[in-house]
Amino acid sequence: MAKSNLVVKTNYLNTVLQNLTLVEIRIIQLAIVDARETGKGLSTDTPLRIDAMRYAEVFNTTRQNGYLMMKDAEETLFNRRFSFLDDDERTVKSRWISQVRYLDDEGAIELVFTPAVVKGITRIDGAEEFFTKYLLEQTARMDSNYSIRLYELLVQWKKAGKTPLFELEQFRGQMGLGINEYKRMCDFKRRVLDLAVEEINEKSDLKVSYEQEKKGRRITGFKFKIITKSKPEQPQKRTVSRDAYTADMFTVDGLNDKQLGRIARNPNFIADYNHLVSSTSPAGQNPNDWEFEMINRLKKDASQFKKRPIRDYLEY
């Protein structure tokens, strides 16, 4: 994997009351990851670029769909607000972003975070015990924003293996629920809590369960137990003697768009197949267009790519 995709958030930002959509959460995640991986960090005056192809690669969609989703989400994210307690325990209200620019011809957006977010999402050396850390891949396959929000809350207590009591009303806010949403406990459990727990257990590195705390007959909050799943053993590679041009060595079956994108970006792949497009075409001039074009060609007819086994290009 080319990038470690480590997301780091200060705990105050991670526990703010918010109600972001799934796509909005993903944009924030990508911004954190890319700011760290490029080494640029975040500032209140330097735009951070997110390409639709990058979004599509991580979240397994098309470039066009990724750009439309990002653009729609930015329009709402621009007006989102959150609140938190500062060092003096005083409530502060802030927006997420102060500026956004759409690069329609490049399939990208540029955004600038507000000072509160820049302070909360940062690159810290030597103080990581104050931070929540997790791999973007752990939440990329999740379909519910409730699952991502719960994961972000629980991963802070990963080493401890259990959480303190999450008071019900604050917990509801941290899950992004409005006052009148899923007010009945049976609906809250079925539509929010149990759904999130099930998806976390299925798609992430955590195995979680919860118990409820009551006062009389009224549920007042929840405590969670957290187990880190053991990593599955990697199967040993088999060495098979075969004709270098055996057909199944060139199939793309079982490869997702993210892997195909990695193949298309491989310098050896580019050198082997740059003759397939005109140097004056969009794919011949723009790396993102090249990647999009090659992914489509690989999926449509991989038989034209026979200079070496397709999966060899995954390694570089």
Protein backbone atom coordinates (compact mmCIF):
# COMPACT_ATOMS: atom_id res chain seq x y z
CA MET A 1 0.00 0.00 0.00
CA ALA A 2 1.50 3.30 -1.06
CA LYS A 3 0.10 5.32 1.84
CA SER A 4 -0.27 4.37 5.48
CA ASN A 5 -3.60 6.18 5.59
CA LEU A 6 -3.30 7.05 9.27
CA VAL A 7 -6.01 9.36 10.55
CA VAL A 8 -5.15 11.34 13.66
CA LYS A 9 -7.60 13.55 15.54
CA THR A 10 -7.35 15.30 18.86
CA ASN A 11 -9.88 13.85 21.25
CA TYR A 12 -11.82 17.08 21.68
CA LEU A 13 -12.51 17.21 17.96
CA ASN A 14 -13.33 13.53 17.87
CA THR A 15 -15.99 13.87 20.56
CA VAL A 16 -17.71 17.06 19.44
CA LEU A 17 -21.45 16.99 18.91
CA GLN A 18 -21.91 16.81 15.19
CA ASN A 19 -24.15 15.48 12.47
CA LEU A 20 -22.02 14.89 9.41
CA THR A 21 -23.19 12.77 6.51
CA LEU A 22 -21.20 9.75 5.41
CA VAL A 23 -19.60 11.59 2.49
CA GLU A 24 -18.76 14.60 4.69
CA ILE A 25 -17.03 12.31 7.17
CA ARG A 26 -15.08 10.71 4.32
CA ILE A 27 -13.92 14.10 3.04
CA ILE A 28 -12.66 15.02 6.51
CA GLN A 29 -10.87 11.67 6.73
CA LEU A 30 -9.21 12.10 3.35
CA ALA A 31 -8.13 15.61 4.26
CA ILE A 32 -6.47 14.35 7.44
CA VAL A 33 -4.75 11.47 5.68
CA ASP A 34 -3.48 13.47 2.73
CA ALA A 35 -2.29 16.39 4.85
CA ARG A 36 -0.15 13.96 6.86
CA GLU A 37 1.07 11.86 3.95
CA THR A 38 2.13 14.83 1.81
CA GLY A 39 3.94 16.36 4.78
CA LYS A 40 2.21 19.68 4.18
CA GLY A 41 0.06 19.56 7.27
CA LEU A 42 -2.91 21.88 7.62
CA SER A 43 -3.11 25.64 7.86
CA THR A 44 -5.83 28.27 7.84
CA ASP A 45 -4.58 29.88 4.65
CA THR A 46 -3.30 27.01 2.48
CA PRO A 47 -5.92 25.10 0.46
CA LEU A 48 -5.87 21.33 0.64
CA ARG A 49 -6.65 19.55 -2.61
CA ILE A 50 -8.70 16.34 -2.79
CA ASP A 51 -8.97 14.62 -6.18
CA ALA A 52 -12.05 12.69 -7.22
CA MET A 53 -9.84 9.80 -8.31
CA ARG A 54 -8.37 9.63 -4.83
CA TYR A 55 -11.87 9.51 -3.33
CA ALA A 56 -12.96 6.90 -5.87
CA GLU A 57 -9.92 4.73 -5.18
CA VAL A 58 -10.37 4.71 -1.41
CA PHE A 59 -14.15 4.35 -1.32
CA ASN A 60 -14.57 2.08 -4.35
CA THR A 61 -16.64 4.22 -6.70
CA THR A 62 -16.15 5.91 -10.08
CA ARG A 63 -14.25 9.12 -10.53
CA GLN A 64 -17.31 10.98 -11.83
CA ASN A 65 -19.47 9.75 -8.97
CA GLY A 66 -16.75 10.58 -6.46
CA TYR A 67 -16.54 14.16 -7.70
CA LEU A 68 -20.30 14.67 -7.64
CA MET A 69 -20.52 13.29 -4.10
CA MET A 70 -17.64 15.45 -2.90
CA LYS A 71 -19.11 18.55 -4.50
CA ASP A 72 -22.56 17.99 -3.01
CA ALA A 73 -21.08 17.25 0.40
CA GLU A 74 -18.90 20.35 0.41
CA GLU A 75 -21.93 22.55 -0.11
CA THR A 76 -23.44 21.27 3.13
CA LEU A 77 -20.16 20.87 5.01
CA PHE A 78 -19.43 24.55 4.41
CA ASN A 79 -22.42 25.42 6.60
CA ARG A 80 -21.84 22.80 9.31
CA ARG A 81 -21.03 23.91 12.84
CA PHE A 82 -19.75 22.10 15.90
CA SER A 83 -19.02 23.00 19.50
CA PHE A 84 -16.34 21.97 21.98
CA LEU A 85 -14.85 22.98 25.33
CA ASP A 86 -11.58 24.93 25.21
CA ASP A 87 -8.75 24.72 27.75
CA ASP A 88 -10.72 26.98 30.09
CA GLU A 89 -13.74 24.67 29.87
CA ARG A 90 -15.68 27.29 27.92
CA THR A 91 -17.91 26.40 25.00
CA VAL A 92 -16.58 27.38 21.58
CA LYS A 93 -18.55 27.18 18.35
CA SER A 94 -16.86 26.78 14.99
CA ARG A 95 -17.43 25.82 11.39
CA TRP A 96 -15.48 23.01 9.71
CA ILE A 97 -14.24 24.87 6.63
CA SER A 98 -13.81 28.54 5.80
CA GLN A 99 -13.26 28.28 2.06
CA VAL A 100 -13.90 25.82 -0.75
CA ARG A 101 -13.05 25.98 -4.45
CA TYR A 102 -14.32 23.66 -7.18
CA LEU A 103 -11.94 22.61 -9.96
CA ASP A 104 -14.48 21.13 -12.36
CA ASP A 105 -12.03 20.73 -15.22
CA GLU A 106 -9.61 18.80 -13.00
CA GLY A 107 -12.14 16.76 -11.03
CA ALA A 108 -10.94 18.09 -7.69
CA ILE A 109 -11.86 20.36 -4.82
CA GLU A 110 -9.73 22.61 -2.64
CA LEU A 111 -10.76 23.43 0.91
CA VAL A 112 -9.41 25.46 3.81
CA PHE A 113 -10.15 24.42 7.39
CA THR A 114 -11.05 26.83 10.19
CA PRO A 115 -8.55 27.54 13.01
CA ALA A 116 -10.35 25.21 15.45
CA VAL A 117 -10.12 22.31 13.01
CA VAL A 118 -6.51 23.03 12.09
CA LYS A 119 -5.67 22.95 15.79
CA GLY A 120 -7.59 19.71 16.23
CA ILE A 121 -6.26 17.89 13.18
CA THR A 122 -2.53 18.18 13.14
CA ARG A 123 0.74 16.36 12.86
CA ILE A 124 2.10 15.77 16.35
CA ASP A 125 5.37 14.12 17.27
CA GLY A 126 5.93 12.92 20.83
CA ALA A 127 2.38 13.51 22.08
CA GLU A 128 0.39 10.83 20.33
CA GLU A 129 -1.10 9.60 23.61
CA PHE A 130 -3.44 12.58 23.34
CA PHE A 131 -4.66 11.49 19.96
CA THR A 132 -7.04 9.05 18.41
CA LYS A 133 -5.34 7.01 15.68
CA TYR A 134 -6.80 4.55 13.26
CA LEU A 135 -6.37 3.35 9.73
CA LEU A 136 -8.63 4.83 7.08
CA GLU A 137 -9.10 1.34 5.71
CA GLN A 138 -10.92 0.33 8.91
CA THR A 139 -13.86 2.61 8.09
CA ALA A 140 -13.65 2.91 4.29
CA ARG A 141 -16.01 -0.06 3.74
CA MET A 142 -18.59 1.11 6.27
CA ASP A 143 -21.92 2.24 4.85
CA SER A 144 -23.30 4.03 7.92
CA ASN A 145 -22.07 7.27 9.42
CA TYR A 146 -23.24 5.88 12.79
CA SER A 147 -20.71 3.07 12.43
CA ILE A 148 -17.87 5.48 11.70
CA ARG A 149 -18.80 7.79 14.58
CA LEU A 150 -19.00 4.87 17.03
CA TYR A 151 -15.70 3.46 15.75
CA GLU A 152 -14.02 6.83 16.28
CA LEU A 153 -15.33 6.97 19.84
CA LEU A 154 -14.39 3.40 20.73
CA VAL A 155 -10.94 3.29 19.15
CA GLN A 156 -9.77 5.80 21.79
CA TRP A 157 -10.25 3.02 24.38
CA LYS A 158 -8.71 0.27 22.26
CA LYS A 159 -5.78 -0.37 24.60
CA ALA A 160 -7.92 -0.27 27.72
CA GLY A 161 -10.33 -2.79 26.26
CA LYS A 162 -13.37 -1.05 27.74
CA THR A 163 -14.93 2.39 27.89
CA PRO A 164 -16.29 4.49 30.72
CA LEU A 165 -20.03 5.05 30.82
CA PHE A 166 -21.29 7.02 27.83
CA GLU A 167 -24.14 9.11 29.23
CA LEU A 168 -27.16 8.65 26.99
CA GLU A 169 -27.88 12.21 25.88
CA GLN A 170 -24.25 13.07 25.22
CA PHE A 171 -23.76 9.75 23.45
CA ARG A 172 -26.75 10.43 21.21
CA GLY A 173 -25.21 13.77 20.28
CA GLN A 174 -21.85 12.19 19.56
CA MET A 175 -23.61 9.75 17.24
CA GLY A 176 -25.03 12.74 15.37
CA LEU A 177 -28.66 12.40 16.43
CA GLY A 178 -31.05 15.32 16.76
CA ILE A 179 -33.31 15.73 19.79
CA ASN A 180 -36.29 14.15 18.05
CA GLU A 181 -34.48 11.37 16.17
CA TYR A 182 -35.06 7.80 17.35
CA LYS A 183 -36.37 8.93 20.74
CA ARG A 184 -37.71 5.48 21.60
CA MET A 185 -34.94 3.27 22.95
CA CYS A 186 -35.99 0.30 20.81
CA ASP A 187 -35.63 2.45 17.66
CA PHE A 188 -32.30 3.90 18.82
CA LYS A 189 -30.88 0.43 19.39
CA ARG A 190 -32.20 -1.08 16.18
CA ARG A 191 -31.55 1.79 13.78
CA VAL A 192 -28.37 3.23 15.27
CA LEU A 193 -26.52 1.32 17.98
CA ASP A 194 -26.97 -2.30 16.92
CA LEU A 195 -26.47 -1.40 13.27
CA ALA A 196 -23.17 0.34 14.09
CA VAL A 197 -21.92 -2.47 16.34
CA GLU A 198 -22.71 -5.09 13.72
CA GLU A 199 -20.89 -3.20 10.96
CA ILE A 200 -17.85 -2.51 13.16
CA ASN A 201 -17.62 -6.19 14.07
CA GLU A 202 -17.92 -7.22 10.44
CA LYS A 203 -15.70 -4.67 8.71
CA SER A 204 -13.10 -3.31 11.14
CA ASP A 205 -10.23 -4.49 13.31
CA LEU A 206 -12.40 -4.32 16.45
CA LYS A 207 -14.86 -6.70 18.05
CA VAL A 208 -17.18 -4.75 20.33
CA SER A 209 -20.13 -5.39 22.61
CA TYR A 210 -22.06 -3.20 25.01
CA GLU A 211 -24.04 -3.27 28.21
CA GLN A 212 -26.62 -0.72 29.26
CA GLU A 213 -26.79 1.06 32.58
CA LYS A 214 -30.13 1.81 34.20
CA LYS A 215 -31.66 3.93 36.91
CA GLY A 216 -34.80 2.08 37.78
CA ARG A 217 -36.33 1.10 34.45
CA ARG A 218 -34.75 3.97 32.52
CA ILE A 219 -31.57 3.41 30.48
CA THR A 220 -29.06 6.17 31.30
CA GLY A 221 -26.09 5.14 29.20
CA PHE A 222 -23.87 2.44 27.71
CA LYS A 223 -20.48 0.86 28.40
CA PHE A 224 -18.53 -0.95 25.69
CA LYS A 225 -16.04 -3.81 25.70
CA ILE A 226 -13.43 -3.77 22.95
CA ILE A 227 -11.29 -6.59 21.60
CA THR A 228 -8.72 -6.12 18.86
CA LYS A 229 -9.05 -8.87 16.29
CA SER A 230 -5.97 -10.93 15.62
CA LYS A 231 -4.59 -10.49 12.14
CA PRO A 232 -5.25 -13.49 9.91
CA GLU A 233 -2.20 -15.45 8.89
CA GLN A 234 -1.06 -14.71 5.37
CA PRO A 235 -1.22 -17.82 3.18
CA GLN A 236 2.08 -19.01 1.83
CA LYS A 237 2.65 -18.21 -1.80
CA ARG A 238 2.68 -21.20 -4.06
CA THR A 239 5.28 -21.50 -6.78
CA VAL A 240 3.65 -22.86 -9.90
CA SER A 241 5.45 -23.71 -13.12
CA ARG A 242 3.37 -22.40 -15.99
CA ASP A 243 3.45 -20.79 -19.38
CA ALA A 244 4.04 -17.05 -18.96
CA TYR A 245 1.10 -16.42 -21.24
CA THR A 246 -1.45 -18.61 -19.48
CA ALA A 247 -4.72 -16.72 -19.86
CA ASP A 248 -5.63 -16.42 -16.18
CA MET A 249 -2.44 -14.49 -15.46
CA PHE A 250 -3.93 -11.56 -17.35
CA THR A 251 -7.45 -11.53 -15.93
CA VAL A 252 -8.58 -8.71 -13.63
CA ASP A 253 -11.14 -10.90 -11.88
CA GLY A 254 -10.96 -10.31 -8.14
CA LEU A 255 -9.25 -6.93 -8.47
CA ASN A 256 -11.19 -3.89 -7.27
CA ASP A 257 -10.96 -0.35 -8.67
CA LYS A 258 -8.43 0.65 -6.01
CA GLN A 259 -6.08 -2.15 -7.08
CA LEU A 260 -6.62 -1.42 -10.77
CA GLY A 261 -5.77 2.21 -10.08
CA ARG A 262 -2.55 1.13 -8.42
CA ILE A 263 -1.71 -0.97 -11.46
CA ALA A 264 -2.42 1.94 -13.82
CA ARG A 265 -0.09 4.22 -11.79
CA ASN A 266 2.78 1.75 -11.88
CA PRO A 267 5.64 3.33 -13.92
CA ASN A 268 6.28 -0.03 -15.61
CA PHE A 269 2.64 -0.27 -16.66
CA ILE A 270 2.76 3.28 -18.03
CA ALA A 271 5.94 2.51 -19.97
CA ASP A 272 4.46 -0.72 -21.35
CA TYR A 273 1.15 0.75 -22.50
CA ASN A 274 1.51 4.50 -23.06
CA HIS A 275 1.27 3.76 -26.78
CA LEU A 276 -2.42 2.93 -26.32
CA VAL A 277 -3.43 6.60 -26.02
CA SER A 278 -2.59 9.66 -28.02
CA SER A 279 -0.18 12.12 -26.42
CA THR A 280 -2.66 14.91 -27.20
CA SER A 281 -5.64 13.17 -25.59
CA PRO A 282 -6.74 13.90 -22.00
CA ALA A 283 -5.44 10.49 -20.90
CA GLY A 284 -2.10 11.26 -22.52
CA GLN A 285 -1.72 14.57 -20.74
CA ASN A 286 -3.30 14.15 -17.29
CA PRO A 287 -2.35 11.35 -14.82
CA ASN A 288 -5.86 11.23 -13.38
CA ASP A 289 -7.41 10.86 -16.83
CA TRP A 290 -4.84 8.20 -17.70
CA GLU A 291 -5.73 6.23 -14.58
CA PHE A 292 -9.47 6.51 -15.22
CA GLU A 293 -9.03 5.43 -18.87
CA MET A 294 -6.84 2.45 -17.99
CA ILE A 295 -9.15 1.20 -15.24
CA ASN A 296 -12.02 1.18 -17.71
CA ARG A 297 -9.97 -0.58 -20.38
CA LEU A 298 -8.73 -3.21 -17.95
CA LYS A 299 -12.26 -3.94 -16.81
CA LYS A 300 -13.64 -4.00 -20.35
CA ASP A 301 -10.97 -6.11 -22.05
CA ALA A 302 -7.82 -7.10 -20.18
CA SER A 303 -6.62 -9.26 -23.07
CA GLN A 304 -4.84 -6.29 -24.66
CA PHE A 305 -2.49 -6.04 -21.64
CA LYS A 306 -0.20 -9.05 -22.11
CA LYS A 307 3.33 -7.77 -21.76
CA ARG A 308 3.48 -9.25 -18.28
CA PRO A 309 0.98 -10.72 -15.76
CA ILE A 310 -1.43 -8.00 -14.61
CA ARG A 311 -0.86 -8.64 -10.90
CA ASP A 312 2.88 -8.06 -11.28
CA TYR A 313 2.09 -4.34 -11.54
CA LEU A 314 0.62 -4.32 -8.02
CA GLU A 315 4.14 -4.51 -6.61
CA TYR A 316 6.20 -1.34 -6.86
